[in-house]
Amino acid sequence: MVNLPRYRVASKSYIVKAMDGFRRNFTRVHFVVCSNGIPWCKKNLGKQKNVSFSESRSPYVDFAILSLCNHTLATVGTYSWWAGWMAGGVTTYYTRFADPSTHLFRNLKFEDFFLPKWIPMSD
C-alpha cells in the first residue's frame, strides 16, 4: 500500500489509539501482529504491552491466525478487512486510507465497504 498513490497506510498514532481502546474495553488483551512489514511493526509497536509478532509465516498461516482472534484492529486493504470479517467481534478500521484528492475517496461510501458495527477511527 505504501507504493500506491491513492492509498494511505494506517499511521502509528491510529494503531496505538486503537490498541488503547481495546485495552480500555477489555480486561485481558493480547495483540497478534501479522504484517508483511514486521520490521516497521517491531520498531514502532515493540514497546507496547502484550504484543506478539508473527514472523516467518506464510500469509495463509497469518490469515488463519487472525481469523481465530476475538477482535480485529484493521489497518488498510482487503487482508485486514477479511480478517475482521472472519474474526467477528469488535473491529476498528482506519478512516483515512484514501487520499482525499482521488477518485477513490470522492466516490467512497463507507457504508458499502465497512460493516455497520465496525468502529471508524482516524489518527
N, C-alpha and C. Protein backbone atom coordinates (compact mmCIF):
# COMPACT_ATOMS: atom_id res chain seq x y z
N MET A 1 0.81 -1.20 0.00
CA MET A 1 0.00 0.00 0.00
C MET A 1 0.85 1.26 0.00
N VAL A 2 2.06 1.17 0.55
CA VAL A 2 2.94 2.33 0.62
C VAL A 2 3.22 2.88 -0.77
N ASN A 3 3.30 2.01 -1.77
CA ASN A 3 3.65 2.43 -3.13
C ASN A 3 2.46 2.76 -4.00
N LEU A 4 1.24 2.70 -3.46
CA LEU A 4 0.05 3.03 -4.24
C LEU A 4 -0.37 4.46 -3.92
N PRO A 5 -0.32 5.36 -4.90
CA PRO A 5 -0.54 6.78 -4.62
C PRO A 5 -1.94 7.13 -4.10
N ARG A 6 -2.94 6.35 -4.38
CA ARG A 6 -4.28 6.71 -3.93
C ARG A 6 -4.59 6.25 -2.50
N TYR A 7 -3.70 5.44 -1.94
CA TYR A 7 -3.90 4.92 -0.59
C TYR A 7 -2.95 5.58 0.40
N ARG A 8 -3.37 5.56 1.66
CA ARG A 8 -2.52 5.95 2.77
C ARG A 8 -2.44 4.75 3.70
N VAL A 9 -1.29 4.51 4.23
CA VAL A 9 -1.16 3.42 5.19
C VAL A 9 -1.65 3.92 6.55
N ALA A 10 -2.09 3.00 7.38
CA ALA A 10 -2.52 3.37 8.72
C ALA A 10 -1.33 3.88 9.51
N SER A 11 -1.54 4.96 10.21
CA SER A 11 -0.45 5.59 10.96
C SER A 11 -0.22 4.88 12.30
N LYS A 12 0.97 5.10 12.83
CA LYS A 12 1.28 4.57 14.15
C LYS A 12 0.30 5.12 15.18
N SER A 13 -0.05 6.41 15.05
CA SER A 13 -0.97 7.01 16.03
C SER A 13 -2.35 6.34 16.00
N TYR A 14 -2.84 5.98 14.80
CA TYR A 14 -4.11 5.24 14.72
C TYR A 14 -3.99 3.89 15.42
N ILE A 15 -2.91 3.17 15.14
CA ILE A 15 -2.74 1.83 15.71
C ILE A 15 -2.67 1.89 17.24
N VAL A 16 -1.89 2.83 17.77
CA VAL A 16 -1.77 2.97 19.22
C VAL A 16 -3.11 3.39 19.83
N LYS A 17 -3.80 4.30 19.17
CA LYS A 17 -5.12 4.75 19.65
C LYS A 17 -6.11 3.58 19.70
N ALA A 18 -6.11 2.77 18.66
CA ALA A 18 -7.00 1.60 18.63
C ALA A 18 -6.61 0.59 19.70
N MET A 19 -5.31 0.36 19.87
CA MET A 19 -4.85 -0.55 20.92
C MET A 19 -5.30 -0.07 22.29
N ASP A 20 -5.17 1.22 22.54
CA ASP A 20 -5.60 1.79 23.81
C ASP A 20 -7.11 1.60 24.00
N GLY A 21 -7.87 1.72 22.92
CA GLY A 21 -9.32 1.50 23.00
C GLY A 21 -9.66 0.07 23.37
N PHE A 22 -8.96 -0.89 22.79
CA PHE A 22 -9.17 -2.29 23.14
C PHE A 22 -8.80 -2.53 24.60
N ARG A 23 -7.73 -1.92 25.04
CA ARG A 23 -7.30 -2.10 26.45
C ARG A 23 -8.33 -1.53 27.42
N ARG A 24 -8.96 -0.41 27.05
CA ARG A 24 -9.99 0.19 27.90
C ARG A 24 -11.26 -0.67 27.97
N ASN A 25 -11.57 -1.33 26.87
CA ASN A 25 -12.85 -2.04 26.77
C ASN A 25 -12.79 -3.52 27.12
N PHE A 26 -11.60 -4.07 27.22
CA PHE A 26 -11.46 -5.50 27.52
C PHE A 26 -10.42 -5.67 28.63
N THR A 27 -10.66 -6.64 29.51
CA THR A 27 -9.77 -6.81 30.66
C THR A 27 -8.49 -7.56 30.31
N ARG A 28 -8.56 -8.54 29.46
CA ARG A 28 -7.38 -9.33 29.08
C ARG A 28 -7.16 -9.18 27.58
N VAL A 29 -6.15 -8.42 27.22
CA VAL A 29 -5.90 -8.12 25.81
C VAL A 29 -4.49 -8.57 25.44
N HIS A 30 -4.39 -9.25 24.31
CA HIS A 30 -3.09 -9.59 23.73
C HIS A 30 -3.20 -9.34 22.23
N PHE A 31 -2.26 -8.62 21.68
CA PHE A 31 -2.28 -8.28 20.27
C PHE A 31 -1.34 -9.20 19.50
N VAL A 32 -1.84 -9.73 18.40
CA VAL A 32 -1.05 -10.55 17.49
C VAL A 32 -0.87 -9.72 16.21
N VAL A 33 0.35 -9.39 15.90
CA VAL A 33 0.65 -8.56 14.74
C VAL A 33 1.08 -9.44 13.59
N CYS A 34 0.29 -9.42 12.52
CA CYS A 34 0.63 -10.11 11.27
C CYS A 34 0.80 -9.03 10.22
N SER A 35 1.93 -9.06 9.53
CA SER A 35 2.22 -8.00 8.56
C SER A 35 3.31 -8.44 7.61
N ASN A 36 3.31 -7.83 6.43
CA ASN A 36 4.44 -8.03 5.53
C ASN A 36 5.51 -6.96 5.79
N GLY A 37 5.31 -6.20 6.87
CA GLY A 37 6.27 -5.18 7.28
C GLY A 37 6.60 -5.32 8.77
N ILE A 38 6.97 -6.52 9.18
CA ILE A 38 7.26 -6.80 10.59
C ILE A 38 8.37 -5.90 11.15
N PRO A 39 9.44 -5.61 10.40
CA PRO A 39 10.46 -4.71 10.97
C PRO A 39 9.89 -3.35 11.40
N TRP A 40 9.01 -2.75 10.57
CA TRP A 40 8.37 -1.49 10.94
C TRP A 40 7.51 -1.69 12.18
N CYS A 41 6.75 -2.77 12.21
CA CYS A 41 5.86 -3.05 13.35
C CYS A 41 6.65 -3.20 14.64
N LYS A 42 7.74 -3.93 14.57
CA LYS A 42 8.56 -4.13 15.78
C LYS A 42 9.18 -2.81 16.24
N LYS A 43 9.64 -2.01 15.31
CA LYS A 43 10.25 -0.72 15.65
C LYS A 43 9.22 0.21 16.30
N ASN A 44 8.01 0.23 15.77
CA ASN A 44 7.00 1.19 16.21
C ASN A 44 6.06 0.67 17.29
N LEU A 45 5.91 -0.64 17.40
CA LEU A 45 4.97 -1.22 18.37
C LEU A 45 5.63 -2.16 19.37
N GLY A 46 6.92 -2.37 19.23
CA GLY A 46 7.63 -3.34 20.05
C GLY A 46 7.64 -3.04 21.54
N LYS A 47 7.42 -1.78 21.91
CA LYS A 47 7.42 -1.42 23.33
C LYS A 47 6.02 -1.44 23.93
N GLN A 48 5.03 -1.74 23.12
CA GLN A 48 3.66 -1.85 23.63
C GLN A 48 3.53 -3.13 24.45
N LYS A 49 2.65 -3.11 25.44
CA LYS A 49 2.42 -4.29 26.27
C LYS A 49 1.61 -5.34 25.53
N ASN A 50 1.89 -6.60 25.84
CA ASN A 50 1.10 -7.73 25.35
C ASN A 50 0.98 -7.77 23.84
N VAL A 51 2.11 -7.75 23.17
CA VAL A 51 2.15 -7.80 21.70
C VAL A 51 3.06 -8.94 21.27
N SER A 52 2.56 -9.76 20.35
CA SER A 52 3.36 -10.82 19.72
C SER A 52 3.40 -10.55 18.22
N PHE A 53 4.52 -10.87 17.60
CA PHE A 53 4.69 -10.65 16.17
C PHE A 53 4.77 -12.00 15.46
N SER A 54 3.98 -12.16 14.43
CA SER A 54 4.02 -13.37 13.63
C SER A 54 5.15 -13.21 12.61
N GLU A 55 6.19 -14.00 12.78
CA GLU A 55 7.35 -13.88 11.90
C GLU A 55 7.60 -15.18 11.15
N SER A 56 8.06 -15.03 9.94
CA SER A 56 8.45 -16.17 9.10
C SER A 56 7.30 -17.14 8.84
N ARG A 57 6.12 -16.63 8.76
CA ARG A 57 4.96 -17.46 8.43
C ARG A 57 4.41 -17.00 7.08
N SER A 58 3.73 -17.87 6.43
CA SER A 58 3.13 -17.51 5.15
C SER A 58 1.91 -16.62 5.40
N PRO A 59 1.50 -15.84 4.38
CA PRO A 59 0.28 -15.04 4.53
C PRO A 59 -0.94 -15.91 4.85
N TYR A 60 -0.94 -17.16 4.39
CA TYR A 60 -2.06 -18.07 4.66
C TYR A 60 -2.13 -18.42 6.15
N VAL A 61 -0.98 -18.70 6.74
CA VAL A 61 -0.94 -19.02 8.17
C VAL A 61 -1.31 -17.78 8.98
N ASP A 62 -0.77 -16.62 8.61
CA ASP A 62 -1.13 -15.38 9.30
C ASP A 62 -2.63 -15.13 9.23
N PHE A 63 -3.21 -15.36 8.06
CA PHE A 63 -4.65 -15.14 7.92
C PHE A 63 -5.44 -16.11 8.80
N ALA A 64 -5.01 -17.35 8.87
CA ALA A 64 -5.67 -18.32 9.74
C ALA A 64 -5.58 -17.87 11.20
N ILE A 65 -4.42 -17.38 11.61
CA ILE A 65 -4.24 -16.87 12.97
C ILE A 65 -5.21 -15.72 13.23
N LEU A 66 -5.25 -14.76 12.33
CA LEU A 66 -6.13 -13.60 12.50
C LEU A 66 -7.61 -13.99 12.53
N SER A 67 -7.98 -14.96 11.74
CA SER A 67 -9.40 -15.37 11.71
C SER A 67 -9.84 -16.00 13.02
N LEU A 68 -8.88 -16.49 13.82
CA LEU A 68 -9.20 -17.11 15.10
C LEU A 68 -9.15 -16.12 16.27
N CYS A 69 -8.81 -14.89 16.00
CA CYS A 69 -8.78 -13.87 17.05
C CYS A 69 -10.20 -13.46 17.42
N ASN A 70 -10.35 -12.88 18.60
CA ASN A 70 -11.66 -12.43 19.05
C ASN A 70 -12.08 -11.11 18.42
N HIS A 71 -11.11 -10.23 18.17
CA HIS A 71 -11.38 -8.89 17.66
C HIS A 71 -10.28 -8.51 16.68
N THR A 72 -10.50 -7.41 15.95
CA THR A 72 -9.54 -7.02 14.91
C THR A 72 -9.28 -5.53 14.92
N LEU A 73 -8.02 -5.19 14.82
CA LEU A 73 -7.59 -3.82 14.59
C LEU A 73 -7.16 -3.80 13.12
N ALA A 74 -8.06 -3.36 12.26
CA ALA A 74 -7.79 -3.38 10.81
C ALA A 74 -7.02 -2.14 10.40
N THR A 75 -6.07 -2.34 9.51
CA THR A 75 -5.30 -1.20 9.02
C THR A 75 -5.85 -0.82 7.65
N VAL A 76 -5.19 -1.22 6.58
CA VAL A 76 -5.61 -0.81 5.24
C VAL A 76 -5.61 -2.02 4.33
N GLY A 77 -6.61 -2.12 3.49
CA GLY A 77 -6.63 -3.17 2.47
C GLY A 77 -7.56 -4.31 2.79
N THR A 78 -7.70 -5.18 1.82
CA THR A 78 -8.64 -6.28 1.95
C THR A 78 -8.17 -7.36 2.90
N TYR A 79 -6.88 -7.49 3.10
CA TYR A 79 -6.37 -8.53 4.00
C TYR A 79 -6.92 -8.31 5.42
N SER A 80 -6.76 -7.10 5.95
CA SER A 80 -7.27 -6.85 7.30
C SER A 80 -8.80 -6.77 7.31
N TRP A 81 -9.40 -6.33 6.19
CA TRP A 81 -10.87 -6.31 6.12
C TRP A 81 -11.40 -7.74 6.29
N TRP A 82 -10.85 -8.67 5.52
CA TRP A 82 -11.31 -10.06 5.62
C TRP A 82 -10.98 -10.67 6.98
N ALA A 83 -9.86 -10.30 7.56
CA ALA A 83 -9.53 -10.79 8.91
C ALA A 83 -10.60 -10.34 9.90
N GLY A 84 -11.03 -9.09 9.81
CA GLY A 84 -12.09 -8.57 10.68
C GLY A 84 -13.40 -9.27 10.45
N TRP A 85 -13.72 -9.50 9.20
CA TRP A 85 -14.98 -10.18 8.86
C TRP A 85 -14.96 -11.61 9.39
N MET A 86 -13.84 -12.30 9.22
CA MET A 86 -13.74 -13.69 9.67
C MET A 86 -13.72 -13.81 11.20
N ALA A 87 -13.04 -12.91 11.87
CA ALA A 87 -12.92 -13.00 13.33
C ALA A 87 -14.24 -12.64 14.02
N GLY A 88 -15.00 -11.74 13.44
CA GLY A 88 -16.18 -11.26 14.14
C GLY A 88 -15.74 -10.35 15.27
N GLY A 89 -16.52 -10.24 16.30
CA GLY A 89 -16.14 -9.40 17.43
C GLY A 89 -16.06 -7.94 17.05
N VAL A 90 -15.31 -7.19 17.82
CA VAL A 90 -15.12 -5.76 17.58
C VAL A 90 -14.02 -5.57 16.54
N THR A 91 -14.29 -4.72 15.57
CA THR A 91 -13.29 -4.38 14.57
C THR A 91 -13.20 -2.87 14.47
N THR A 92 -11.98 -2.34 14.58
CA THR A 92 -11.75 -0.93 14.28
C THR A 92 -11.16 -0.84 12.87
N TYR A 93 -11.45 0.25 12.18
CA TYR A 93 -10.85 0.44 10.86
C TYR A 93 -10.39 1.88 10.69
N TYR A 94 -9.36 2.03 9.89
CA TYR A 94 -8.72 3.32 9.63
C TYR A 94 -9.52 4.08 8.57
N THR A 95 -10.01 5.26 8.93
CA THR A 95 -10.88 6.01 8.02
C THR A 95 -10.12 6.86 7.00
N ARG A 96 -8.85 7.06 7.20
CA ARG A 96 -8.10 7.96 6.33
C ARG A 96 -7.25 7.20 5.31
N PHE A 97 -7.72 6.06 4.85
CA PHE A 97 -6.92 5.22 3.96
C PHE A 97 -6.89 5.71 2.52
N ALA A 98 -7.82 6.56 2.14
CA ALA A 98 -7.85 7.07 0.76
C ALA A 98 -7.46 8.54 0.74
N ASP A 99 -6.62 8.91 -0.21
CA ASP A 99 -6.22 10.30 -0.37
C ASP A 99 -7.45 11.11 -0.82
N PRO A 100 -7.79 12.20 -0.10
CA PRO A 100 -8.99 12.98 -0.43
C PRO A 100 -9.02 13.56 -1.84
N SER A 101 -7.88 13.69 -2.48
CA SER A 101 -7.84 14.25 -3.83
C SER A 101 -8.12 13.22 -4.92
N THR A 102 -8.37 11.98 -4.55
CA THR A 102 -8.53 10.92 -5.55
C THR A 102 -9.98 10.58 -5.85
N HIS A 103 -10.16 9.97 -6.98
CA HIS A 103 -11.46 9.46 -7.40
C HIS A 103 -11.98 8.44 -6.38
N LEU A 104 -11.07 7.62 -5.86
CA LEU A 104 -11.44 6.63 -4.86
C LEU A 104 -12.13 7.28 -3.67
N PHE A 105 -11.55 8.33 -3.13
CA PHE A 105 -12.12 9.00 -1.96
C PHE A 105 -13.44 9.67 -2.30
N ARG A 106 -13.50 10.37 -3.42
CA ARG A 106 -14.71 11.11 -3.80
C ARG A 106 -15.90 10.19 -4.02
N ASN A 107 -15.65 8.96 -4.40
CA ASN A 107 -16.75 8.02 -4.68
C ASN A 107 -16.92 6.95 -3.61
N LEU A 108 -16.18 7.07 -2.53
CA LEU A 108 -16.23 6.07 -1.48
C LEU A 108 -17.47 6.24 -0.61
N LYS A 109 -18.17 5.15 -0.41
CA LYS A 109 -19.29 5.12 0.53
C LYS A 109 -18.91 4.13 1.62
N PHE A 110 -18.55 4.66 2.78
CA PHE A 110 -18.09 3.82 3.87
C PHE A 110 -19.10 2.72 4.21
N GLU A 111 -20.38 3.05 4.12
CA GLU A 111 -21.41 2.06 4.45
C GLU A 111 -21.46 0.89 3.47
N ASP A 112 -20.89 1.06 2.30
CA ASP A 112 -20.81 -0.04 1.33
C ASP A 112 -19.60 -0.93 1.57
N PHE A 113 -18.63 -0.44 2.30
CA PHE A 113 -17.39 -1.17 2.46
C PHE A 113 -17.21 -1.75 3.86
N PHE A 114 -17.62 -1.01 4.87
CA PHE A 114 -17.41 -1.43 6.25
C PHE A 114 -18.72 -1.86 6.89
N LEU A 115 -18.65 -2.89 7.72
CA LEU A 115 -19.84 -3.37 8.40
C LEU A 115 -20.35 -2.32 9.38
N PRO A 116 -21.67 -2.24 9.56
CA PRO A 116 -22.25 -1.19 10.42
C PRO A 116 -21.73 -1.19 11.86
N LYS A 117 -21.43 -2.37 12.40
CA LYS A 117 -20.98 -2.43 13.80
C LYS A 117 -19.49 -2.13 13.97
N TRP A 118 -18.75 -2.02 12.86
CA TRP A 118 -17.33 -1.72 12.94
C TRP A 118 -17.12 -0.28 13.40
N ILE A 119 -16.02 -0.03 14.06
CA ILE A 119 -15.75 1.27 14.67
C ILE A 119 -14.76 2.06 13.81
N PRO A 120 -15.20 3.19 13.27
CA PRO A 120 -14.28 4.03 12.48
C PRO A 120 -13.34 4.80 13.39
N MET A 121 -12.08 4.92 12.99
CA MET A 121 -11.09 5.68 13.76
C MET A 121 -10.12 6.34 12.79
N SER A 122 -9.62 7.47 13.21
CA SER A 122 -8.55 8.13 12.44
C SER A 122 -7.34 8.28 13.36
N ASP A 123 -6.40 9.09 12.94
CA ASP A 123 -5.17 9.30 13.71
C ASP A 123 -5.46 9.93 15.05
